[in-house]
Amino acid sequence: MPWIAFPLLFILNAGPSMHWGDVEAGIQAPLLWSAGMGVFVVLAGWRAPRKGLFASVLRGMVLATIVNVPAYLAGSWLATTPLDLLQLGCSWLDTTFGPAIKQLACGG
């Protein structure tokens, strides 16, 4: 089961930030998400060794921000970048699969 840990970590941590970048929610969304993650981690009992409550929350916020802000920027970049794969048209269908598939997919 350890193989599922990293994909789940990325999806649960960076997924909402990528979505907020996609819908242009503003940079405060991943920053507030990071603050909430830092507070939740400390309330759940995960603390920095030999550190106080405030230092543990601050460390959690900084580590969450390191993941969430780049994910937000990646989401906003994906939202504004035109993907060439979607704009290929139907000419590649004819060469790859033949004219019958092109007629079905592209209507002619």
PDB file of N, CA and C in Angstrom:
ATOM      1  N   MET A   1       0.780  -1.209   0.000  1.00  0.00           N
ATOM      2  CA  MET A   1       0.000   0.000   0.000  1.00  0.00           C
ATOM      3  C   MET A   1       0.826   1.280   0.000  1.00  0.00           C
ATOM      4  N   PRO A   2       2.135   1.277   0.279  1.00  0.00           N
ATOM      5  CA  PRO A   2       2.880   2.536   0.262  1.00  0.00           C
ATOM      6  C   PRO A   2       2.918   3.196  -1.119  1.00  0.00           C
ATOM      7  N   TRP A   3       2.693   2.428  -2.180  1.00  0.00           N
ATOM      8  CA  TRP A   3       2.742   3.004  -3.527  1.00  0.00           C
ATOM      9  C   TRP A   3       1.607   3.988  -3.750  1.00  0.00           C
ATOM     10  N   ILE A   4       0.533   3.898  -2.997  1.00  0.00           N
ATOM     11  CA  ILE A   4      -0.602   4.797  -3.173  1.00  0.00           C
ATOM     12  C   ILE A   4      -0.412   6.101  -2.392  1.00  0.00           C
ATOM     13  N   ALA A   5       0.565   6.140  -1.499  1.00  0.00           N
ATOM     14  CA  ALA A   5       0.726   7.297  -0.626  1.00  0.00           C
ATOM     15  C   ALA A   5       1.068   8.569  -1.404  1.00  0.00           C
ATOM     16  N   PHE A   6       2.021   8.506  -2.317  1.00  0.00           N
ATOM     17  CA  PHE A   6       2.424   9.722  -3.014  1.00  0.00           C
ATOM     18  C   PHE A   6       1.359  10.244  -3.977  1.00  0.00           C
ATOM     19  N   PRO A   7       0.702   9.398  -4.780  1.00  0.00           N
ATOM     20  CA  PRO A   7      -0.387   9.937  -5.601  1.00  0.00           C
ATOM     21  C   PRO A   7      -1.516  10.537  -4.767  1.00  0.00           C
ATOM     22  N   LEU A   8      -1.873   9.876  -3.674  1.00  0.00           N
ATOM     23  CA  LEU A   8      -2.910  10.426  -2.808  1.00  0.00           C
ATOM     24  C   LEU A   8      -2.471  11.731  -2.163  1.00  0.00           C
ATOM     25  N   LEU A   9      -1.223  11.797  -1.744  1.00  0.00           N
ATOM     26  CA  LEU A   9      -0.688  13.021  -1.171  1.00  0.00           C
ATOM     27  C   LEU A   9      -0.775  14.172  -2.171  1.00  0.00           C
ATOM     28  N   PHE A  10      -0.405  13.897  -3.416  1.00  0.00           N
ATOM     29  CA  PHE A  10      -0.464  14.951  -4.429  1.00  0.00           C
ATOM     30  C   PHE A  10      -1.900  15.355  -4.731  1.00  0.00           C
ATOM     31  N   ILE A  11      -2.793  14.371  -4.894  1.00  0.00           N
ATOM     32  CA  ILE A  11      -4.180  14.682  -5.247  1.00  0.00           C
ATOM     33  C   ILE A  11      -4.870  15.450  -4.133  1.00  0.00           C
ATOM     34  N   LEU A  12      -4.693  15.020  -2.905  1.00  0.00           N
ATOM     35  CA  LEU A  12      -5.388  15.670  -1.794  1.00  0.00           C
ATOM     36  C   LEU A  12      -4.776  17.019  -1.429  1.00  0.00           C
ATOM     37  N   ASN A  13      -3.478  17.182  -1.625  1.00  0.00           N
ATOM     38  CA  ASN A  13      -2.847  18.456  -1.292  1.00  0.00           C
ATOM     39  C   ASN A  13      -2.891  19.450  -2.438  1.00  0.00           C
ATOM     40  N   ALA A  14      -2.463  19.027  -3.617  1.00  0.00           N
ATOM     41  CA  ALA A  14      -2.315  19.951  -4.732  1.00  0.00           C
ATOM     42  C   ALA A  14      -3.535  20.003  -5.636  1.00  0.00           C
ATOM     43  N   GLY A  15      -4.415  19.019  -5.547  1.00  0.00           N
ATOM     44  CA  GLY A  15      -5.597  18.998  -6.411  1.00  0.00           C
ATOM     45  C   GLY A  15      -6.484  20.219  -6.281  1.00  0.00           C
ATOM     46  N   PRO A  16      -6.881  20.597  -5.060  1.00  0.00           N
ATOM     47  CA  PRO A  16      -7.695  21.810  -4.940  1.00  0.00           C
ATOM     48  C   PRO A  16      -6.976  23.059  -5.424  1.00  0.00           C
ATOM     49  N   SER A  17      -5.677  23.151  -5.192  1.00  0.00           N
ATOM     50  CA  SER A  17      -4.940  24.332  -5.653  1.00  0.00           C
ATOM     51  C   SER A  17      -4.889  24.399  -7.169  1.00  0.00           C
ATOM     52  N   MET A  18      -4.731  23.249  -7.834  1.00  0.00           N
ATOM     53  CA  MET A  18      -4.760  23.253  -9.299  1.00  0.00           C
ATOM     54  C   MET A  18      -6.134  23.672  -9.809  1.00  0.00           C
ATOM     55  N   HIS A  19      -7.181  23.234  -9.128  1.00  0.00           N
ATOM     56  CA  HIS A  19      -8.532  23.636  -9.528  1.00  0.00           C
ATOM     57  C   HIS A  19      -8.721  25.142  -9.353  1.00  0.00           C
ATOM     58  N   TRP A  20      -8.240  25.686  -8.246  1.00  0.00           N
ATOM     59  CA  TRP A  20      -8.383  27.124  -8.031  1.00  0.00           C
ATOM     60  C   TRP A  20      -7.583  27.923  -9.052  1.00  0.00           C
ATOM     61  N   GLY A  21      -6.453  27.403  -9.478  1.00  0.00           N
ATOM     62  CA  GLY A  21      -5.715  28.062 -10.546  1.00  0.00           C
ATOM     63  C   GLY A  21      -6.464  27.997 -11.858  1.00  0.00           C
ATOM     64  N   ASP A  22      -7.167  26.897 -12.085  1.00  0.00           N
ATOM     65  CA  ASP A  22      -7.944  26.728 -13.307  1.00  0.00           C
ATOM     66  C   ASP A  22      -9.106  27.707 -13.376  1.00  0.00           C
ATOM     67  N   VAL A  23      -9.774  27.943 -12.268  1.00  0.00           N
ATOM     68  CA  VAL A  23     -10.933  28.840 -12.262  1.00  0.00           C
ATOM     69  C   VAL A  23     -10.567  30.264 -11.865  1.00  0.00           C
ATOM     70  N   GLU A  24      -9.267  30.539 -11.745  1.00  0.00           N
ATOM     71  CA  GLU A  24      -8.744  31.878 -11.435  1.00  0.00           C
ATOM     72  C   GLU A  24      -9.327  32.425 -10.140  1.00  0.00           C
ATOM     73  N   ALA A  25      -9.204  31.654  -9.065  1.00  0.00           N
ATOM     74  CA  ALA A  25      -9.776  32.032  -7.777  1.00  0.00           C
ATOM     75  C   ALA A  25      -8.939  33.055  -7.028  1.00  0.00           C
ATOM     76  N   GLY A  26      -7.716  33.284  -7.439  1.00  0.00           N
ATOM     77  CA  GLY A  26      -6.851  34.219  -6.724  1.00  0.00           C
ATOM     78  C   GLY A  26      -5.822  33.463  -5.899  1.00  0.00           C
ATOM     79  N   ILE A  27      -4.696  34.102  -5.684  1.00  0.00           N
ATOM     80  CA  ILE A  27      -3.585  33.463  -4.983  1.00  0.00           C
ATOM     81  C   ILE A  27      -3.902  33.232  -3.508  1.00  0.00           C
ATOM     82  N   GLN A  28      -4.888  33.967  -2.977  1.00  0.00           N
ATOM     83  CA  GLN A  28      -5.218  33.771  -1.561  1.00  0.00           C
ATOM     84  C   GLN A  28      -5.841  32.404  -1.305  1.00  0.00           C
ATOM     85  N   ALA A  29      -6.437  31.779  -2.296  1.00  0.00           N
ATOM     86  CA  ALA A  29      -7.057  30.470  -2.102  1.00  0.00           C
ATOM     87  C   ALA A  29      -6.023  29.407  -1.704  1.00  0.00           C
ATOM     88  N   PRO A  30      -4.918  29.221  -2.440  1.00  0.00           N
ATOM     89  CA  PRO A  30      -3.949  28.219  -1.979  1.00  0.00           C
ATOM     90  C   PRO A  30      -3.224  28.627  -0.702  1.00  0.00           C
ATOM     91  N   LEU A  31      -3.088  29.928  -0.462  1.00  0.00           N
ATOM     92  CA  LEU A  31      -2.447  30.363   0.777  1.00  0.00           C
ATOM     93  C   LEU A  31      -3.330  30.055   1.988  1.00  0.00           C
ATOM     94  N   LEU A  32      -4.626  30.300   1.862  1.00  0.00           N
ATOM     95  CA  LEU A  32      -5.542  29.957   2.955  1.00  0.00           C
ATOM     96  C   LEU A  32      -5.652  28.446   3.129  1.00  0.00           C
ATOM     97  N   TRP A  33      -5.622  27.703   2.021  1.00  0.00           N
ATOM     98  CA  TRP A  33      -5.636  26.243   2.085  1.00  0.00           C
ATOM     99  C   TRP A  33      -4.393  25.757   2.830  1.00  0.00           C
ATOM    100  N   SER A  34      -3.253  26.363   2.567  1.00  0.00           N
ATOM    101  CA  SER A  34      -2.021  25.987   3.256  1.00  0.00           C
ATOM    102  C   SER A  34      -2.113  26.301   4.746  1.00  0.00           C
ATOM    103  N   ALA A  35      -2.706  27.435   5.083  1.00  0.00           N
ATOM    104  CA  ALA A  35      -2.875  27.781   6.502  1.00  0.00           C
ATOM    105  C   ALA A  35      -3.790  26.773   7.187  1.00  0.00           C
ATOM    106  N   GLY A  36      -4.865  26.417   6.522  1.00  0.00           N
ATOM    107  CA  GLY A  36      -5.764  25.417   7.084  1.00  0.00           C
ATOM    108  C   GLY A  36      -5.092  24.069   7.244  1.00  0.00           C
ATOM    109  N   MET A  37      -4.255  23.709   6.284  1.00  0.00           N
ATOM    110  CA  MET A  37      -3.539  22.437   6.382  1.00  0.00           C
ATOM    111  C   MET A  37      -2.564  22.453   7.557  1.00  0.00           C
ATOM    112  N   GLY A  38      -1.876  23.575   7.743  1.00  0.00           N
ATOM    113  CA  GLY A  38      -0.935  23.678   8.858  1.00  0.00           C
ATOM    114  C   GLY A  38      -1.629  23.565  10.207  1.00  0.00           C
ATOM    115  N   VAL A  39      -2.773  24.216  10.345  1.00  0.00           N
ATOM    116  CA  VAL A  39      -3.524  24.139  11.600  1.00  0.00           C
ATOM    117  C   VAL A  39      -4.069  22.732  11.811  1.00  0.00           C
ATOM    118  N   PHE A  40      -4.598  22.119  10.758  1.00  0.00           N
ATOM    119  CA  PHE A  40      -5.145  20.771  10.882  1.00  0.00           C
ATOM    120  C   PHE A  40      -4.084  19.765  11.307  1.00  0.00           C
ATOM    121  N   VAL A  41      -2.911  19.876  10.734  1.00  0.00           N
ATOM    122  CA  VAL A  41      -1.839  18.917  11.054  1.00  0.00           C
ATOM    123  C   VAL A  41      -1.469  19.005  12.528  1.00  0.00           C
ATOM    124  N   VAL A  42      -1.395  20.216  13.056  1.00  0.00           N
ATOM    125  CA  VAL A  42      -1.046  20.364  14.470  1.00  0.00           C
ATOM    126  C   VAL A  42      -2.187  19.888  15.358  1.00  0.00           C
ATOM    127  N   LEU A  43      -3.431  20.195  14.982  1.00  0.00           N
ATOM    128  CA  LEU A  43      -4.566  19.734  15.779  1.00  0.00           C
ATOM    129  C   LEU A  43      -4.706  18.214  15.742  1.00  0.00           C
ATOM    130  N   ALA A  44      -4.259  17.599  14.657  1.00  0.00           N
ATOM    131  CA  ALA A  44      -4.307  16.138  14.557  1.00  0.00           C
ATOM    132  C   ALA A  44      -3.209  15.468  15.373  1.00  0.00           C
ATOM    133  N   GLY A  45      -2.260  16.242  15.866  1.00  0.00           N
ATOM    134  CA  GLY A  45      -1.238  15.675  16.733  1.00  0.00           C
ATOM    135  C   GLY A  45       0.135  15.543  16.114  1.00  0.00           C
ATOM    136  N   TRP A  46       0.311  15.961  14.875  1.00  0.00           N
ATOM    137  CA  TRP A  46       1.626  15.892  14.247  1.00  0.00           C
ATOM    138  C   TRP A  46       2.356  17.191  14.556  1.00  0.00           C
ATOM    139  N   ARG A  47       3.372  17.095  15.364  1.00  0.00           N
ATOM    140  CA  ARG A  47       4.092  18.296  15.764  1.00  0.00           C
ATOM    141  C   ARG A  47       5.564  18.158  15.469  1.00  0.00           C
ATOM    142  N   ALA A  48       6.208  19.290  15.284  1.00  0.00           N
ATOM    143  CA  ALA A  48       7.658  19.286  15.114  1.00  0.00           C
ATOM    144  C   ALA A  48       8.293  18.886  16.448  1.00  0.00           C
ATOM    145  N   PRO A  49       9.327  18.042  16.397  1.00  0.00           N
ATOM    146  CA  PRO A  49       9.938  17.595  17.650  1.00  0.00           C
ATOM    147  C   PRO A  49      10.568  18.758  18.426  1.00  0.00           C
ATOM    148  N   ARG A  50      10.291  18.803  19.710  1.00  0.00           N
ATOM    149  CA  ARG A  50      10.840  19.803  20.638  1.00  0.00           C
ATOM    150  C   ARG A  50      10.526  21.232  20.216  1.00  0.00           C
ATOM    151  N   LYS A  51       9.401  21.448  19.556  1.00  0.00           N
ATOM    152  CA  LYS A  51       8.989  22.799  19.173  1.00  0.00           C
ATOM    153  C   LYS A  51       7.623  23.082  19.770  1.00  0.00           C
ATOM    154  N   GLY A  52       7.295  24.325  19.854  1.00  0.00           N
ATOM    155  CA  GLY A  52       6.010  24.714  20.400  1.00  0.00           C
ATOM    156  C   GLY A  52       4.902  24.628  19.371  1.00  0.00           C
ATOM    157  N   LEU A  53       3.738  25.007  19.806  1.00  0.00           N
ATOM    158  CA  LEU A  53       2.548  24.948  18.958  1.00  0.00           C
ATOM    159  C   LEU A  53       2.668  25.895  17.763  1.00  0.00           C
ATOM    160  N   PHE A  54       3.070  27.128  18.017  1.00  0.00           N
ATOM    161  CA  PHE A  54       3.164  28.115  16.940  1.00  0.00           C
ATOM    162  C   PHE A  54       4.228  27.733  15.914  1.00  0.00           C
ATOM    163  N   ALA A  55       5.366  27.252  16.357  1.00  0.00           N
ATOM    164  CA  ALA A  55       6.426  26.848  15.429  1.00  0.00           C
ATOM    165  C   ALA A  55       5.990  25.660  14.576  1.00  0.00           C
ATOM    166  N   SER A  56       5.233  24.753  15.168  1.00  0.00           N
ATOM    167  CA  SER A  56       4.745  23.601  14.405  1.00  0.00           C
ATOM    168  C   SER A  56       3.729  24.027  13.351  1.00  0.00           C
ATOM    169  N   VAL A  57       2.824  24.938  13.722  1.00  0.00           N
ATOM    170  CA  VAL A  57       1.846  25.446  12.750  1.00  0.00           C
ATOM    171  C   VAL A  57       2.555  26.178  11.624  1.00  0.00           C
ATOM    172  N   LEU A  58       3.532  26.990  11.967  1.00  0.00           N
ATOM    173  CA  LEU A  58       4.275  27.745  10.946  1.00  0.00           C
ATOM    174  C   LEU A  58       5.016  26.812   9.993  1.00  0.00           C
ATOM    175  N   ARG A  59       5.636  25.774  10.517  1.00  0.00           N
ATOM    176  CA  ARG A  59       6.318  24.804   9.656  1.00  0.00           C
ATOM    177  C   ARG A  59       5.336  24.093   8.736  1.00  0.00           C
ATOM    178  N   GLY A  60       4.194  23.713   9.279  1.00  0.00           N
ATOM    179  CA  GLY A  60       3.178  23.058   8.456  1.00  0.00           C
ATOM    180  C   GLY A  60       2.673  23.959   7.343  1.00  0.00           C
ATOM    181  N   MET A  61       2.469  25.240   7.654  1.00  0.00           N
ATOM    182  CA  MET A  61       2.012  26.192   6.636  1.00  0.00           C
ATOM    183  C   MET A  61       3.056  26.386   5.542  1.00  0.00           C
ATOM    184  N   VAL A  62       4.304  26.488   5.931  1.00  0.00           N
ATOM    185  CA  VAL A  62       5.368  26.699   4.939  1.00  0.00           C
ATOM    186  C   VAL A  62       5.510  25.478   4.033  1.00  0.00           C
ATOM    187  N   LEU A  63       5.489  24.291   4.616  1.00  0.00           N
ATOM    188  CA  LEU A  63       5.602  23.083   3.798  1.00  0.00           C
ATOM    189  C   LEU A  63       4.401  22.923   2.867  1.00  0.00           C
ATOM    190  N   ALA A  64       3.208  23.254   3.349  1.00  0.00           N
ATOM    191  CA  ALA A  64       2.023  23.169   2.498  1.00  0.00           C
ATOM    192  C   ALA A  64       2.067  24.224   1.394  1.00  0.00           C
ATOM    193  N   THR A  65       2.593  25.389   1.700  1.00  0.00           N
ATOM    194  CA  THR A  65       2.701  26.444   0.690  1.00  0.00           C
ATOM    195  C   THR A  65       3.675  26.055  -0.414  1.00  0.00           C
ATOM    196  N   ILE A  66       4.730  25.334  -0.059  1.00  0.00           N
ATOM    197  CA  ILE A  66       5.704  24.884  -1.054  1.00  0.00           C
ATOM    198  C   ILE A  66       5.040  23.960  -2.076  1.00  0.00           C
ATOM    199  N   VAL A  67       4.022  23.222  -1.672  1.00  0.00           N
ATOM    200  CA  VAL A  67       3.305  22.332  -2.591  1.00  0.00           C
ATOM    201  C   VAL A  67       2.160  23.065  -3.293  1.00  0.00           C
ATOM    202  N   ASN A  68       1.406  23.870  -2.545  1.00  0.00           N
ATOM    203  CA  ASN A  68       0.158  24.424  -3.063  1.00  0.00           C
ATOM    204  C   ASN A  68       0.325  25.595  -4.031  1.00  0.00           C
ATOM    205  N   VAL A  69       1.268  26.473  -3.797  1.00  0.00           N
ATOM    206  CA  VAL A  69       1.417  27.630  -4.693  1.00  0.00           C
ATOM    207  C   VAL A  69       1.913  27.212  -6.076  1.00  0.00           C
ATOM    208  N   PRO A  70       2.929  26.341  -6.203  1.00  0.00           N
ATOM    209  CA  PRO A  70       3.278  25.876  -7.555  1.00  0.00           C
ATOM    210  C   PRO A  70       2.144  25.117  -8.238  1.00  0.00           C
ATOM    211  N   ALA A  71       1.361  24.368  -7.467  1.00  0.00           N
ATOM    212  CA  ALA A  71       0.218  23.671  -8.064  1.00  0.00           C
ATOM    213  C   ALA A  71      -0.817  24.670  -8.559  1.00  0.00           C
ATOM    214  N   TYR A  72      -1.034  25.750  -7.825  1.00  0.00           N
ATOM    215  CA  TYR A  72      -1.948  26.812  -8.257  1.00  0.00           C
ATOM    216  C   TYR A  72      -1.444  27.448  -9.559  1.00  0.00           C
ATOM    217  N   LEU A  73      -0.159  27.729  -9.602  1.00  0.00           N
ATOM    218  CA  LEU A  73       0.415  28.342 -10.812  1.00  0.00           C
ATOM    219  C   LEU A  73       0.342  27.382 -11.998  1.00  0.00           C
ATOM    220  N   ALA A  74       0.540  26.089 -11.750  1.00  0.00           N
ATOM    221  CA  ALA A  74       0.412  25.104 -12.823  1.00  0.00           C
ATOM    222  C   ALA A  74      -1.026  25.039 -13.316  1.00  0.00           C
ATOM    223  N   GLY A  75      -1.993  25.102 -12.408  1.00  0.00           N
ATOM    224  CA  GLY A  75      -3.397  25.092 -12.808  1.00  0.00           C
ATOM    225  C   GLY A  75      -3.775  26.313 -13.610  1.00  0.00           C
ATOM    226  N   SER A  76      -3.263  27.475 -13.224  1.00  0.00           N
ATOM    227  CA  SER A  76      -3.580  28.687 -13.995  1.00  0.00           C
ATOM    228  C   SER A  76      -2.872  28.668 -15.346  1.00  0.00           C
ATOM    229  N   TRP A  77      -1.677  28.070 -15.407  1.00  0.00           N
ATOM    230  CA  TRP A  77      -0.985  27.969 -16.685  1.00  0.00           C
ATOM    231  C   TRP A  77      -1.729  27.018 -17.616  1.00  0.00           C
ATOM    232  N   LEU A  78      -2.199  25.891 -17.084  1.00  0.00           N
ATOM    233  CA  LEU A  78      -2.950  24.947 -17.915  1.00  0.00           C
ATOM    234  C   LEU A  78      -4.257  25.541 -18.409  1.00  0.00           C
ATOM    235  N   ALA A  79      -4.857  26.433 -17.631  1.00  0.00           N
ATOM    236  CA  ALA A  79      -6.125  27.038 -18.029  1.00  0.00           C
ATOM    237  C   ALA A  79      -5.942  28.054 -19.152  1.00  0.00           C
ATOM    238  N   THR A  80      -4.791  28.709 -19.198  1.00  0.00           N
ATOM    239  CA  THR A  80      -4.589  29.760 -20.191  1.00  0.00           C
ATOM    240  C   THR A  80      -3.808  29.302 -21.414  1.00  0.00           C
ATOM    241  N   THR A  81      -3.176  28.143 -21.354  1.00  0.00           N
ATOM    242  CA  THR A  81      -2.380  27.648 -22.475  1.00  0.00           C
ATOM    243  C   THR A  81      -3.265  26.861 -23.426  1.00  0.00           C
ATOM    244  N   PRO A  82      -3.308  27.257 -24.700  1.00  0.00           N
ATOM    245  CA  PRO A  82      -4.089  26.449 -25.649  1.00  0.00           C
ATOM    246  C   PRO A  82      -3.351  25.147 -25.945  1.00  0.00           C
ATOM    247  N   LEU A  83      -4.042  24.051 -25.771  1.00  0.00           N
ATOM    248  CA  LEU A  83      -3.426  22.749 -26.026  1.00  0.00           C
ATOM    249  C   LEU A  83      -3.548  22.407 -27.506  1.00  0.00           C
ATOM    250  N   ASP A  84      -2.452  22.136 -28.138  1.00  0.00           N
ATOM    251  CA  ASP A  84      -2.457  21.825 -29.564  1.00  0.00           C
ATOM    252  C   ASP A  84      -3.119  20.485 -29.855  1.00  0.00           C
ATOM    253  N   LEU A  85      -3.140  19.592 -28.874  1.00  0.00           N
ATOM    254  CA  LEU A  85      -3.764  18.296 -29.109  1.00  0.00           C
ATOM    255  C   LEU A  85      -5.258  18.427 -29.373  1.00  0.00           C
ATOM    256  N   LEU A  86      -5.870  19.426 -28.771  1.00  0.00           N
ATOM    257  CA  LEU A  86      -7.304  19.615 -28.973  1.00  0.00           C
ATOM    258  C   LEU A  86      -7.616  20.338 -30.275  1.00  0.00           C
ATOM    259  N   GLN A  87      -6.618  20.958 -30.880  1.00  0.00           N
ATOM    260  CA  GLN A  87      -6.831  21.737 -32.089  1.00  0.00           C
ATOM    261  C   GLN A  87      -6.240  21.075 -33.331  1.00  0.00           C
ATOM    262  N   LEU A  88      -6.044  19.782 -33.292  1.00  0.00           N
ATOM    263  CA  LEU A  88      -5.440  19.094 -34.432  1.00  0.00           C
ATOM    264  C   LEU A  88      -6.385  18.965 -35.617  1.00  0.00           C
ATOM    265  N   GLY A  89      -7.665  18.986 -35.362  1.00  0.00           N
ATOM    266  CA  GLY A  89      -8.606  18.749 -36.444  1.00  0.00           C
ATOM    267  C   GLY A  89      -8.780  17.263 -36.659  1.00  0.00           C
ATOM    268  N   CYS A  90      -9.299  16.900 -37.819  1.00  0.00           N
ATOM    269  CA  CYS A  90      -9.591  15.497 -38.084  1.00  0.00           C
ATOM    270  C   CYS A  90      -8.664  14.883 -39.121  1.00  0.00           C
ATOM    271  N   SER A  91      -7.672  15.594 -39.599  1.00  0.00           N
ATOM    272  CA  SER A  91      -6.817  15.042 -40.638  1.00  0.00           C
ATOM    273  C   SER A  91      -5.988  13.860 -40.129  1.00  0.00           C
ATOM    274  N   TRP A  92      -5.603  13.867 -38.868  1.00  0.00           N
ATOM    275  CA  TRP A  92      -4.809  12.758 -38.339  1.00  0.00           C
ATOM    276  C   TRP A  92      -5.633  11.492 -38.201  1.00  0.00           C
ATOM    277  N   LEU A  93      -6.960  11.606 -38.054  1.00  0.00           N
ATOM    278  CA  LEU A  93      -7.800  10.418 -37.989  1.00  0.00           C
ATOM    279  C   LEU A  93      -7.788   9.654 -39.305  1.00  0.00           C
ATOM    280  N   ASP A  94      -7.792  10.389 -40.410  1.00  0.00           N
ATOM    281  CA  ASP A  94      -7.794   9.757 -41.726  1.00  0.00           C
ATOM    282  C   ASP A  94      -6.514   8.969 -41.958  1.00  0.00           C
ATOM    283  N   THR A  95      -5.392   9.542 -41.578  1.00  0.00           N
ATOM    284  CA  THR A  95      -4.121   8.856 -41.819  1.00  0.00           C
ATOM    285  C   THR A  95      -3.898   7.709 -40.844  1.00  0.00           C
ATOM    286  N   THR A  96      -4.448   7.791 -39.645  1.00  0.00           N
ATOM    287  CA  THR A  96      -4.203   6.759 -38.653  1.00  0.00           C
ATOM    288  C   THR A  96      -5.184   5.602 -38.754  1.00  0.00           C
ATOM    289  N   PHE A  97      -6.460   5.915 -38.871  1.00  0.00           N
ATOM    290  CA  PHE A  97      -7.482   4.871 -38.796  1.00  0.00           C
ATOM    291  C   PHE A  97      -8.230   4.630 -40.099  1.00  0.00           C
ATOM    292  N   GLY A  98      -8.092   5.495 -41.051  1.00  0.00           N
ATOM    293  CA  GLY A  98      -8.803   5.310 -42.315  1.00  0.00           C
ATOM    294  C   GLY A  98     -10.008   6.228 -42.414  1.00  0.00           C
ATOM    295  N   PRO A  99     -10.572   6.321 -43.603  1.00  0.00           N
ATOM    296  CA  PRO A  99     -11.659   7.279 -43.837  1.00  0.00           C
ATOM    297  C   PRO A  99     -12.957   6.948 -43.082  1.00  0.00           C
ATOM    298  N   ALA A 100     -13.206   5.686 -42.743  1.00  0.00           N
ATOM    299  CA  ALA A 100     -14.469   5.339 -42.070  1.00  0.00           C
ATOM    300  C   ALA A 100     -14.536   5.986 -40.675  1.00  0.00           C
ATOM    301  N   ILE A 101     -13.448   5.947 -39.934  1.00  0.00           N
ATOM    302  CA  ILE A 101     -13.428   6.548 -38.602  1.00  0.00           C
ATOM    303  C   ILE A 101     -13.532   8.059 -38.722  1.00  0.00           C
ATOM    304  N   LYS A 102     -12.905   8.641 -39.721  1.00  0.00           N
ATOM    305  CA  LYS A 102     -12.976  10.086 -39.894  1.00  0.00           C
ATOM    306  C   LYS A 102     -14.412  10.517 -40.170  1.00  0.00           C
ATOM    307  N   GLN A 103     -15.136   9.738 -40.937  1.00  0.00           N
ATOM    308  CA  GLN A 103     -16.523  10.079 -41.217  1.00  0.00           C
ATOM    309  C   GLN A 103     -17.379   9.994 -39.959  1.00  0.00           C
ATOM    310  N   LEU A 104     -17.120   9.006 -39.128  1.00  0.00           N
ATOM    311  CA  LEU A 104     -17.881   8.888 -37.878  1.00  0.00           C
ATOM    312  C   LEU A 104     -17.560   9.991 -36.896  1.00  0.00           C
ATOM    313  N   ALA A 105     -16.288  10.290 -36.740  1.00  0.00           N
ATOM    314  CA  ALA A 105     -15.877  11.244 -35.712  1.00  0.00           C
ATOM    315  C   ALA A 105     -16.068  12.699 -36.130  1.00  0.00           C
ATOM    316  N   CYS A 106     -15.825  12.983 -37.401  1.00  0.00           N
ATOM    317  CA  CYS A 106     -15.836  14.373 -37.837  1.00  0.00           C
ATOM    318  C   CYS A 106     -17.021  14.737 -38.700  1.00  0.00           C
ATOM    319  N   GLY A 107     -17.831  13.791 -39.003  1.00  0.00           N
ATOM    320  CA  GLY A 107     -19.026  14.078 -39.787  1.00  0.00           C
ATOM    321  C   GLY A 107     -18.764  14.311 -41.268  1.00  0.00           C
ATOM    322  N   GLY A 108     -17.744  13.724 -41.812  1.00  0.00           N
ATOM    323  CA  GLY A 108     -17.546  13.910 -43.245  1.00  0.00           C
ATOM    324  C   GLY A 108     -16.227  13.671 -43.695  1.00  0.00           C
TER     325      GLY A 108
END
